[in-house]
PDB file of all heavy atoms in Angstrom:
ATOM      1  N   GLY A   1      10.079  11.874   5.692  1.00  0.00           N
ATOM      2  CA  GLY A   1       8.939  12.778   5.741  1.00  0.00           C
ATOM      3  C   GLY A   1       7.744  12.258   4.963  1.00  0.00           C
ATOM      4  O   GLY A   1       7.765  11.182   4.376  1.00  0.00           O
ATOM      5  N   THR A   2       6.687  13.073   4.970  1.00  0.00           N
ATOM      6  CA  THR A   2       5.443  12.668   4.317  1.00  0.00           C
ATOM      7  C   THR A   2       5.368  13.088   2.851  1.00  0.00           C
ATOM      8  O   THR A   2       4.376  12.823   2.193  1.00  0.00           O
ATOM      9  CB  THR A   2       4.243  13.269   5.070  1.00  0.00           C
ATOM     10  OG1 THR A   2       4.390  14.692   5.094  1.00  0.00           O
ATOM     11  CG2 THR A   2       4.146  12.724   6.482  1.00  0.00           C
ATOM     12  N   LEU A   3       6.411  13.722   2.332  1.00  0.00           N
ATOM     13  CA  LEU A   3       6.422  14.116   0.925  1.00  0.00           C
ATOM     14  C   LEU A   3       7.037  13.059   0.017  1.00  0.00           C
ATOM     15  O   LEU A   3       6.978  13.178  -1.201  1.00  0.00           O
ATOM     16  CB  LEU A   3       7.160  15.439   0.747  1.00  0.00           C
ATOM     17  CG  LEU A   3       6.396  16.665   1.192  1.00  0.00           C
ATOM     18  CD1 LEU A   3       7.258  17.908   1.066  1.00  0.00           C
ATOM     19  CD2 LEU A   3       5.113  16.826   0.416  1.00  0.00           C
ATOM     20  N   SER A   4       7.627  12.023   0.594  1.00  0.00           N
ATOM     21  CA  SER A   4       8.219  10.977  -0.244  1.00  0.00           C
ATOM     22  C   SER A   4       7.111  10.122  -0.856  1.00  0.00           C
ATOM     23  O   SER A   4       6.024   9.998  -0.306  1.00  0.00           O
ATOM     24  CB  SER A   4       9.181  10.113   0.577  1.00  0.00           C
ATOM     25  OG  SER A   4       8.493   9.502   1.640  1.00  0.00           O
ATOM     26  N   CYS A   5       7.404   9.541  -1.993  1.00  0.00           N
ATOM     27  CA  CYS A   5       6.429   8.712  -2.697  1.00  0.00           C
ATOM     28  C   CYS A   5       6.320   7.335  -2.036  1.00  0.00           C
ATOM     29  O   CYS A   5       7.317   6.774  -1.588  1.00  0.00           O
ATOM     30  CB  CYS A   5       6.851   8.508  -4.154  1.00  0.00           C
ATOM     31  SG  CYS A   5       6.972  10.031  -5.086  1.00  0.00           S
ATOM     32  N   VAL A   6       5.089   6.810  -1.994  1.00  0.00           N
ATOM     33  CA  VAL A   6       4.891   5.433  -1.562  1.00  0.00           C
ATOM     34  C   VAL A   6       5.383   4.562  -2.713  1.00  0.00           C
ATOM     35  O   VAL A   6       5.002   4.769  -3.863  1.00  0.00           O
ATOM     36  CB  VAL A   6       3.400   5.155  -1.254  1.00  0.00           C
ATOM     37  CG1 VAL A   6       3.164   3.695  -0.934  1.00  0.00           C
ATOM     38  CG2 VAL A   6       2.916   6.047  -0.119  1.00  0.00           C
ATOM     39  N   GLU A   7       6.242   3.591  -2.415  1.00  0.00           N
ATOM     40  CA  GLU A   7       6.831   2.793  -3.492  1.00  0.00           C
ATOM     41  C   GLU A   7       7.030   1.340  -3.069  1.00  0.00           C
ATOM     42  O   GLU A   7       6.719   0.959  -1.934  1.00  0.00           O
ATOM     43  CB  GLU A   7       8.155   3.413  -3.939  1.00  0.00           C
ATOM     44  CG  GLU A   7       9.142   3.611  -2.831  1.00  0.00           C
ATOM     45  CD  GLU A   7      10.350   4.429  -3.284  1.00  0.00           C
ATOM     46  OE1 GLU A   7      10.226   5.275  -4.175  1.00  0.00           O
ATOM     47  OE2 GLU A   7      11.427   4.190  -2.733  1.00  0.00           O
ATOM     48  N   LYS A   8       7.554   0.565  -3.988  1.00  0.00           N
ATOM     49  CA  LYS A   8       7.829  -0.854  -3.766  1.00  0.00           C
ATOM     50  C   LYS A   8       8.657  -1.029  -2.488  1.00  0.00           C
ATOM     51  O   LYS A   8       9.628  -0.308  -2.264  1.00  0.00           O
ATOM     52  CB  LYS A   8       8.595  -1.418  -4.960  1.00  0.00           C
ATOM     53  CG  LYS A   8       8.940  -2.865  -4.852  1.00  0.00           C
ATOM     54  CD  LYS A   8       9.687  -3.324  -6.085  1.00  0.00           C
ATOM     55  CE  LYS A   8      10.043  -4.791  -5.957  1.00  0.00           C
ATOM     56  NZ  LYS A   8      10.678  -5.301  -7.163  1.00  0.00           N
ATOM     57  N   GLY A   9       8.229  -1.977  -1.648  1.00  0.00           N
ATOM     58  CA  GLY A   9       8.928  -2.250  -0.401  1.00  0.00           C
ATOM     59  C   GLY A   9       8.344  -1.528   0.798  1.00  0.00           C
ATOM     60  O   GLY A   9       8.622  -1.896   1.936  1.00  0.00           O
ATOM     61  N   ASP A  10       7.531  -0.490   0.576  1.00  0.00           N
ATOM     62  CA  ASP A  10       6.853   0.191   1.676  1.00  0.00           C
ATOM     63  C   ASP A  10       5.713  -0.701   2.174  1.00  0.00           C
ATOM     64  O   ASP A  10       5.389  -1.721   1.555  1.00  0.00           O
ATOM     65  CB  ASP A  10       6.318   1.541   1.224  1.00  0.00           C
ATOM     66  CG  ASP A  10       7.429   2.535   0.903  1.00  0.00           C
ATOM     67  OD1 ASP A  10       8.579   2.286   1.324  1.00  0.00           O
ATOM     68  OD2 ASP A  10       7.146   3.535   0.226  1.00  0.00           O
ATOM     69  N   SER A  11       5.086  -0.299   3.268  1.00  0.00           N
ATOM     70  CA  SER A  11       4.045  -1.140   3.875  1.00  0.00           C
ATOM     71  C   SER A  11       2.766  -0.362   4.132  1.00  0.00           C
ATOM     72  O   SER A  11       2.799   0.830   4.420  1.00  0.00           O
ATOM     73  CB  SER A  11       4.530  -1.704   5.213  1.00  0.00           C
ATOM     74  OG  SER A  11       5.676  -2.473   5.052  1.00  0.00           O
ATOM     75  N   VAL A  12       1.659  -1.083   4.041  1.00  0.00           N
ATOM     76  CA  VAL A  12       0.357  -0.591   4.492  1.00  0.00           C
ATOM     77  C   VAL A  12       0.128  -1.234   5.844  1.00  0.00           C
ATOM     78  O   VAL A  12       0.239  -2.452   5.995  1.00  0.00           O
ATOM     79  CB  VAL A  12      -0.767  -0.976   3.502  1.00  0.00           C
ATOM     80  CG1 VAL A  12      -2.128  -0.594   4.054  1.00  0.00           C
ATOM     81  CG2 VAL A  12      -0.533  -0.313   2.152  1.00  0.00           C
ATOM     82  N   LEU A  13      -0.170  -0.414   6.861  1.00  0.00           N
ATOM     83  CA  LEU A  13      -0.329  -0.900   8.226  1.00  0.00           C
ATOM     84  C   LEU A  13      -1.796  -0.885   8.621  1.00  0.00           C
ATOM     85  O   LEU A  13      -2.514   0.062   8.328  1.00  0.00           O
ATOM     86  CB  LEU A  13       0.463  -0.011   9.186  1.00  0.00           C
ATOM     87  CG  LEU A  13       1.931   0.221   8.840  1.00  0.00           C
ATOM     88  CD1 LEU A  13       2.521   1.271   9.763  1.00  0.00           C
ATOM     89  CD2 LEU A  13       2.699  -1.077   8.944  1.00  0.00           C
ATOM     90  N   GLN A  14      -2.210  -1.937   9.305  1.00  0.00           N
ATOM     91  CA  GLN A  14      -3.562  -1.995   9.848  1.00  0.00           C
ATOM     92  C   GLN A  14      -3.472  -2.513  11.277  1.00  0.00           C
ATOM     93  O   GLN A  14      -2.611  -3.325  11.596  1.00  0.00           O
ATOM     94  CB  GLN A  14      -4.459  -2.862   8.986  1.00  0.00           C
ATOM     95  CG  GLN A  14      -3.897  -4.235   8.673  1.00  0.00           C
ATOM     96  CD  GLN A  14      -4.779  -5.004   7.726  1.00  0.00           C
ATOM     97  OE1 GLN A  14      -5.980  -4.877   7.758  1.00  0.00           O
ATOM     98  NE2 GLN A  14      -4.181  -5.814   6.886  1.00  0.00           N
ATOM     99  N   ASN A  15      -4.323  -2.016  12.118  1.00  0.00           N
ATOM    100  CA  ASN A  15      -4.291  -2.399  13.513  1.00  0.00           C
ATOM    101  C   ASN A  15      -5.415  -3.392  13.775  1.00  0.00           C
ATOM    102  O   ASN A  15      -6.583  -3.014  13.821  1.00  0.00           O
ATOM    103  CB  ASN A  15      -4.428  -1.166  14.412  1.00  0.00           C
ATOM    104  CG  ASN A  15      -4.011  -1.443  15.827  1.00  0.00           C
ATOM    105  OD1 ASN A  15      -3.491  -2.510  16.127  1.00  0.00           O
ATOM    106  ND2 ASN A  15      -4.240  -0.486  16.697  1.00  0.00           N
ATOM    107  N   ASP A  16      -5.073  -4.672  13.925  1.00  0.00           N
ATOM    108  CA  ASP A  16      -6.046  -5.716  14.193  1.00  0.00           C
ATOM    109  C   ASP A  16      -6.198  -5.927  15.692  1.00  0.00           C
ATOM    110  O   ASP A  16      -5.373  -5.482  16.480  1.00  0.00           O
ATOM    111  CB  ASP A  16      -5.593  -7.048  13.564  1.00  0.00           C
ATOM    112  CG  ASP A  16      -5.992  -7.155  12.113  1.00  0.00           C
ATOM    113  OD1 ASP A  16      -6.979  -6.519  11.725  1.00  0.00           O
ATOM    114  OD2 ASP A  16      -5.313  -7.879  11.365  1.00  0.00           O
ATOM    115  N   VAL A  17      -7.238  -6.663  16.074  1.00  0.00           N
ATOM    116  CA  VAL A  17      -7.476  -7.009  17.471  1.00  0.00           C
ATOM    117  C   VAL A  17      -6.301  -7.819  18.015  1.00  0.00           C
ATOM    118  O   VAL A  17      -5.878  -7.640  19.156  1.00  0.00           O
ATOM    119  CB  VAL A  17      -8.795  -7.795  17.606  1.00  0.00           C
ATOM    120  CG1 VAL A  17      -9.034  -8.227  19.035  1.00  0.00           C
ATOM    121  CG2 VAL A  17      -9.952  -6.960  17.102  1.00  0.00           C
ATOM    122  N   VAL A  18      -5.750  -8.696  17.189  1.00  0.00           N
ATOM    123  CA  VAL A  18      -4.645  -9.550  17.627  1.00  0.00           C
ATOM    124  C   VAL A  18      -3.294  -8.845  17.558  1.00  0.00           C
ATOM    125  O   VAL A  18      -2.300  -9.380  18.008  1.00  0.00           O
ATOM    126  CB  VAL A  18      -4.588 -10.866  16.806  1.00  0.00           C
ATOM    127  CG1 VAL A  18      -5.801 -11.711  17.086  1.00  0.00           C
ATOM    128  CG2 VAL A  18      -4.451 -10.576  15.333  1.00  0.00           C
ATOM    129  N   GLY A  19      -3.263  -7.662  17.020  1.00  0.00           N
ATOM    130  CA  GLY A  19      -2.014  -6.916  16.931  1.00  0.00           C
ATOM    131  C   GLY A  19      -1.864  -6.256  15.581  1.00  0.00           C
ATOM    132  O   GLY A  19      -2.697  -6.423  14.695  1.00  0.00           O
ATOM    133  N   PRO A  20      -0.815  -5.487  15.402  1.00  0.00           N
ATOM    134  CA  PRO A  20      -0.614  -4.800  14.125  1.00  0.00           C
ATOM    135  C   PRO A  20      -0.300  -5.783  13.002  1.00  0.00           C
ATOM    136  O   PRO A  20       0.274  -6.842  13.231  1.00  0.00           O
ATOM    137  CB  PRO A  20       0.559  -3.865  14.398  1.00  0.00           C
ATOM    138  CG  PRO A  20       1.244  -4.437  15.580  1.00  0.00           C
ATOM    139  CD  PRO A  20       0.231  -5.196  16.368  1.00  0.00           C
ATOM    140  N   ASN A  21      -0.709  -5.430  11.827  1.00  0.00           N
ATOM    141  CA  ASN A  21      -0.493  -6.251  10.648  1.00  0.00           C
ATOM    142  C   ASN A  21       0.007  -5.327   9.542  1.00  0.00           C
ATOM    143  O   ASN A  21      -0.477  -4.218   9.397  1.00  0.00           O
ATOM    144  CB  ASN A  21      -1.812  -6.923  10.242  1.00  0.00           C
ATOM    145  CG  ASN A  21      -1.648  -7.892   9.109  1.00  0.00           C
ATOM    146  OD1 ASN A  21      -0.550  -8.320   8.783  1.00  0.00           O
ATOM    147  ND2 ASN A  21      -2.750  -8.239   8.488  1.00  0.00           N
ATOM    148  N   SER A  22       0.970  -5.772   8.774  1.00  0.00           N
ATOM    149  CA  SER A  22       1.449  -4.950   7.665  1.00  0.00           C
ATOM    150  C   SER A  22       1.444  -5.754   6.379  1.00  0.00           C
ATOM    151  O   SER A  22       1.630  -6.964   6.380  1.00  0.00           O
ATOM    152  CB  SER A  22       2.849  -4.399   7.947  1.00  0.00           C
ATOM    153  OG  SER A  22       3.785  -5.437   7.980  1.00  0.00           O
ATOM    154  N   CYS A  23       1.220  -5.053   5.304  1.00  0.00           N
ATOM    155  CA  CYS A  23       1.197  -5.651   3.971  1.00  0.00           C
ATOM    156  C   CYS A  23       2.260  -4.942   3.135  1.00  0.00           C
ATOM    157  O   CYS A  23       2.216  -3.716   2.983  1.00  0.00           O
ATOM    158  CB  CYS A  23      -0.168  -5.470   3.335  1.00  0.00           C
ATOM    159  SG  CYS A  23      -1.517  -6.114   4.343  1.00  0.00           S
ATOM    160  N   ILE A  24       3.174  -5.693   2.584  1.00  0.00           N
ATOM    161  CA  ILE A  24       4.281  -5.112   1.824  1.00  0.00           C
ATOM    162  C   ILE A  24       3.838  -4.844   0.384  1.00  0.00           C
ATOM    163  O   ILE A  24       3.246  -5.699  -0.274  1.00  0.00           O
ATOM    164  CB  ILE A  24       5.507  -6.038   1.862  1.00  0.00           C
ATOM    165  CG1 ILE A  24       5.949  -6.214   3.319  1.00  0.00           C
ATOM    166  CG2 ILE A  24       6.647  -5.470   1.026  1.00  0.00           C
ATOM    167  CD1 ILE A  24       7.019  -7.241   3.521  1.00  0.00           C
ATOM    168  N   ILE A  25       4.160  -3.650  -0.091  1.00  0.00           N
ATOM    169  CA  ILE A  25       3.764  -3.214  -1.430  1.00  0.00           C
ATOM    170  C   ILE A  25       4.753  -3.757  -2.456  1.00  0.00           C
ATOM    171  O   ILE A  25       5.959  -3.564  -2.338  1.00  0.00           O
ATOM    172  CB  ILE A  25       3.703  -1.681  -1.493  1.00  0.00           C
ATOM    173  CG1 ILE A  25       2.640  -1.174  -0.519  1.00  0.00           C
ATOM    174  CG2 ILE A  25       3.432  -1.203  -2.905  1.00  0.00           C
ATOM    175  CD1 ILE A  25       2.656   0.322  -0.326  1.00  0.00           C
ATOM    176  N   GLN A  26       4.208  -4.444  -3.464  1.00  0.00           N
ATOM    177  CA  GLN A  26       5.022  -4.981  -4.546  1.00  0.00           C
ATOM    178  C   GLN A  26       5.197  -3.942  -5.655  1.00  0.00           C
ATOM    179  O   GLN A  26       6.258  -3.841  -6.260  1.00  0.00           O
ATOM    180  CB  GLN A  26       4.367  -6.236  -5.112  1.00  0.00           C
ATOM    181  CG  GLN A  26       5.130  -6.865  -6.255  1.00  0.00           C
ATOM    182  CD  GLN A  26       4.409  -8.081  -6.799  1.00  0.00           C
ATOM    183  OE1 GLN A  26       3.185  -8.148  -6.780  1.00  0.00           O
ATOM    184  NE2 GLN A  26       5.176  -9.041  -7.275  1.00  0.00           N
ATOM    185  N   SER A  27       4.125  -3.185  -5.941  1.00  0.00           N
ATOM    186  CA  SER A  27       4.208  -2.167  -6.992  1.00  0.00           C
ATOM    187  C   SER A  27       3.123  -1.113  -6.783  1.00  0.00           C
ATOM    188  O   SER A  27       2.122  -1.353  -6.123  1.00  0.00           O
ATOM    189  CB  SER A  27       4.058  -2.798  -8.374  1.00  0.00           C
ATOM    190  OG  SER A  27       2.779  -3.371  -8.523  1.00  0.00           O
ATOM    191  N   VAL A  28       3.354   0.055  -7.376  1.00  0.00           N
ATOM    192  CA  VAL A  28       2.398   1.161  -7.358  1.00  0.00           C
ATOM    193  C   VAL A  28       2.161   1.569  -8.801  1.00  0.00           C
ATOM    194  O   VAL A  28       3.107   1.770  -9.563  1.00  0.00           O
ATOM    195  CB  VAL A  28       2.937   2.367  -6.554  1.00  0.00           C
ATOM    196  CG1 VAL A  28       1.947   3.519  -6.572  1.00  0.00           C
ATOM    197  CG2 VAL A  28       3.276   1.969  -5.127  1.00  0.00           C
ATOM    198  N   GLU A  29       0.907   1.670  -9.191  1.00  0.00           N
ATOM    199  CA  GLU A  29       0.556   2.082 -10.545  1.00  0.00           C
ATOM    200  C   GLU A  29      -0.692   2.943 -10.494  1.00  0.00           C
ATOM    201  O   GLU A  29      -1.368   3.006  -9.468  1.00  0.00           O
ATOM    202  CB  GLU A  29       0.343   0.857 -11.444  1.00  0.00           C
ATOM    203  CG  GLU A  29      -0.785  -0.063 -10.977  1.00  0.00           C
ATOM    204  CD  GLU A  29      -0.908  -1.326 -11.806  1.00  0.00           C
ATOM    205  OE1 GLU A  29      -0.768  -1.253 -13.036  1.00  0.00           O
ATOM    206  OE2 GLU A  29      -1.164  -2.372 -11.212  1.00  0.00           O
ATOM    207  N   TYR A  30      -0.987   3.626 -11.584  1.00  0.00           N
ATOM    208  CA  TYR A  30      -2.229   4.389 -11.658  1.00  0.00           C
ATOM    209  C   TYR A  30      -3.393   3.421 -11.841  1.00  0.00           C
ATOM    210  O   TYR A  30      -3.279   2.421 -12.548  1.00  0.00           O
ATOM    211  CB  TYR A  30      -2.202   5.379 -12.822  1.00  0.00           C
ATOM    212  CG  TYR A  30      -1.256   6.533 -12.607  1.00  0.00           C
ATOM    213  CD1 TYR A  30      -0.112   6.654 -13.368  1.00  0.00           C
ATOM    214  CD2 TYR A  30      -1.517   7.485 -11.629  1.00  0.00           C
ATOM    215  CE1 TYR A  30       0.758   7.720 -13.176  1.00  0.00           C
ATOM    216  CE2 TYR A  30      -0.645   8.541 -11.430  1.00  0.00           C
ATOM    217  CZ  TYR A  30       0.487   8.656 -12.202  1.00  0.00           C
ATOM    218  OH  TYR A  30       1.343   9.701 -12.009  1.00  0.00           O
ATOM    219  N   GLN A  31      -4.509   3.733 -11.216  1.00  0.00           N
ATOM    220  CA  GLN A  31      -5.731   2.949 -11.406  1.00  0.00           C
ATOM    221  C   GLN A  31      -6.393   3.435 -12.688  1.00  0.00           C
ATOM    222  O   GLN A  31      -6.734   4.600 -12.808  1.00  0.00           O
ATOM    223  CB  GLN A  31      -6.673   3.123 -10.204  1.00  0.00           C
ATOM    224  CG  GLN A  31      -7.957   2.344 -10.303  1.00  0.00           C
ATOM    225  CD  GLN A  31      -7.774   0.844 -10.153  1.00  0.00           C
ATOM    226  OE1 GLN A  31      -6.727   0.374  -9.745  1.00  0.00           O
ATOM    227  NE2 GLN A  31      -8.798   0.092 -10.488  1.00  0.00           N
ATOM    228  N   THR A  32      -6.547   2.551 -13.651  1.00  0.00           N
ATOM    229  CA  THR A  32      -7.084   2.902 -14.966  1.00  0.00           C
ATOM    230  C   THR A  32      -8.500   2.357 -15.128  1.00  0.00           C
ATOM    231  O   THR A  32      -8.920   1.474 -14.378  1.00  0.00           O
ATOM    232  CB  THR A  32      -6.193   2.317 -16.075  1.00  0.00           C
ATOM    233  OG1 THR A  32      -6.223   0.886 -15.955  1.00  0.00           O
ATOM    234  CG2 THR A  32      -4.760   2.823 -15.970  1.00  0.00           C
ATOM    235  N   PRO A  33      -9.252   2.844 -16.113  1.00  0.00           N
ATOM    236  CA  PRO A  33     -10.578   2.286 -16.366  1.00  0.00           C
ATOM    237  C   PRO A  33     -10.540   0.783 -16.670  1.00  0.00           C
ATOM    238  O   PRO A  33     -11.457   0.051 -16.302  1.00  0.00           O
ATOM    239  CB  PRO A  33     -11.076   3.085 -17.584  1.00  0.00           C
ATOM    240  CG  PRO A  33     -10.357   4.390 -17.470  1.00  0.00           C
ATOM    241  CD  PRO A  33      -9.003   4.042 -16.917  1.00  0.00           C
ATOM    242  N   ALA A  34      -9.483   0.304 -17.312  1.00  0.00           N
ATOM    243  CA  ALA A  34      -9.364  -1.134 -17.594  1.00  0.00           C
ATOM    244  C   ALA A  34      -9.238  -1.924 -16.285  1.00  0.00           C
ATOM    245  O   ALA A  34      -9.841  -2.992 -16.142  1.00  0.00           O
ATOM    246  CB  ALA A  34      -8.155  -1.398 -18.490  1.00  0.00           C
ATOM    247  N   LEU A  35      -8.481  -1.393 -15.332  1.00  0.00           N
ATOM    248  CA  LEU A  35      -8.361  -2.053 -14.027  1.00  0.00           C
ATOM    249  C   LEU A  35      -9.684  -1.987 -13.262  1.00  0.00           C
ATOM    250  O   LEU A  35     -10.055  -2.933 -12.570  1.00  0.00           O
ATOM    251  CB  LEU A  35      -7.236  -1.424 -13.201  1.00  0.00           C
ATOM    252  CG  LEU A  35      -5.823  -1.715 -13.679  1.00  0.00           C
ATOM    253  CD1 LEU A  35      -4.813  -0.868 -12.911  1.00  0.00           C
ATOM    254  CD2 LEU A  35      -5.500  -3.195 -13.524  1.00  0.00           C
ATOM    255  N   ASP A  36     -10.413  -0.861 -13.405  1.00  0.00           N
ATOM    256  CA  ASP A  36     -11.737  -0.753 -12.777  1.00  0.00           C
ATOM    257  C   ASP A  36     -12.664  -1.847 -13.303  1.00  0.00           C
ATOM    258  O   ASP A  36     -13.374  -2.499 -12.539  1.00  0.00           O
ATOM    259  CB  ASP A  36     -12.367   0.609 -13.062  1.00  0.00           C
ATOM    260  CG  ASP A  36     -11.741   1.732 -12.268  1.00  0.00           C
ATOM    261  OD1 ASP A  36     -11.207   1.477 -11.171  1.00  0.00           O
ATOM    262  OD2 ASP A  36     -11.802   2.886 -12.742  1.00  0.00           O
ATOM    263  N   LYS A  37     -12.656  -2.039 -14.623  1.00  0.00           N
ATOM    264  CA  LYS A  37     -13.508  -3.052 -15.240  1.00  0.00           C
ATOM    265  C   LYS A  37     -13.122  -4.445 -14.747  1.00  0.00           C
ATOM    266  O   LYS A  37     -13.988  -5.255 -14.420  1.00  0.00           O
ATOM    267  CB  LYS A  37     -13.383  -2.971 -16.766  1.00  0.00           C
ATOM    268  CG  LYS A  37     -14.297  -3.920 -17.490  1.00  0.00           C
ATOM    269  CD  LYS A  37     -14.169  -3.777 -18.994  1.00  0.00           C
ATOM    270  CE  LYS A  37     -15.057  -4.800 -19.665  1.00  0.00           C
ATOM    271  NZ  LYS A  37     -14.864  -4.840 -21.096  1.00  0.00           N
TER     272      LYS A  37
END
């Protein structure tokens, strides 16, 4: 379902002209001001 957390091993999918492309997630963390900088 859609209530599960996105986590390591999940994928971000994008639909390119040449076909679908996926990027595998290595880690999920909070975006902090230090990361923004």
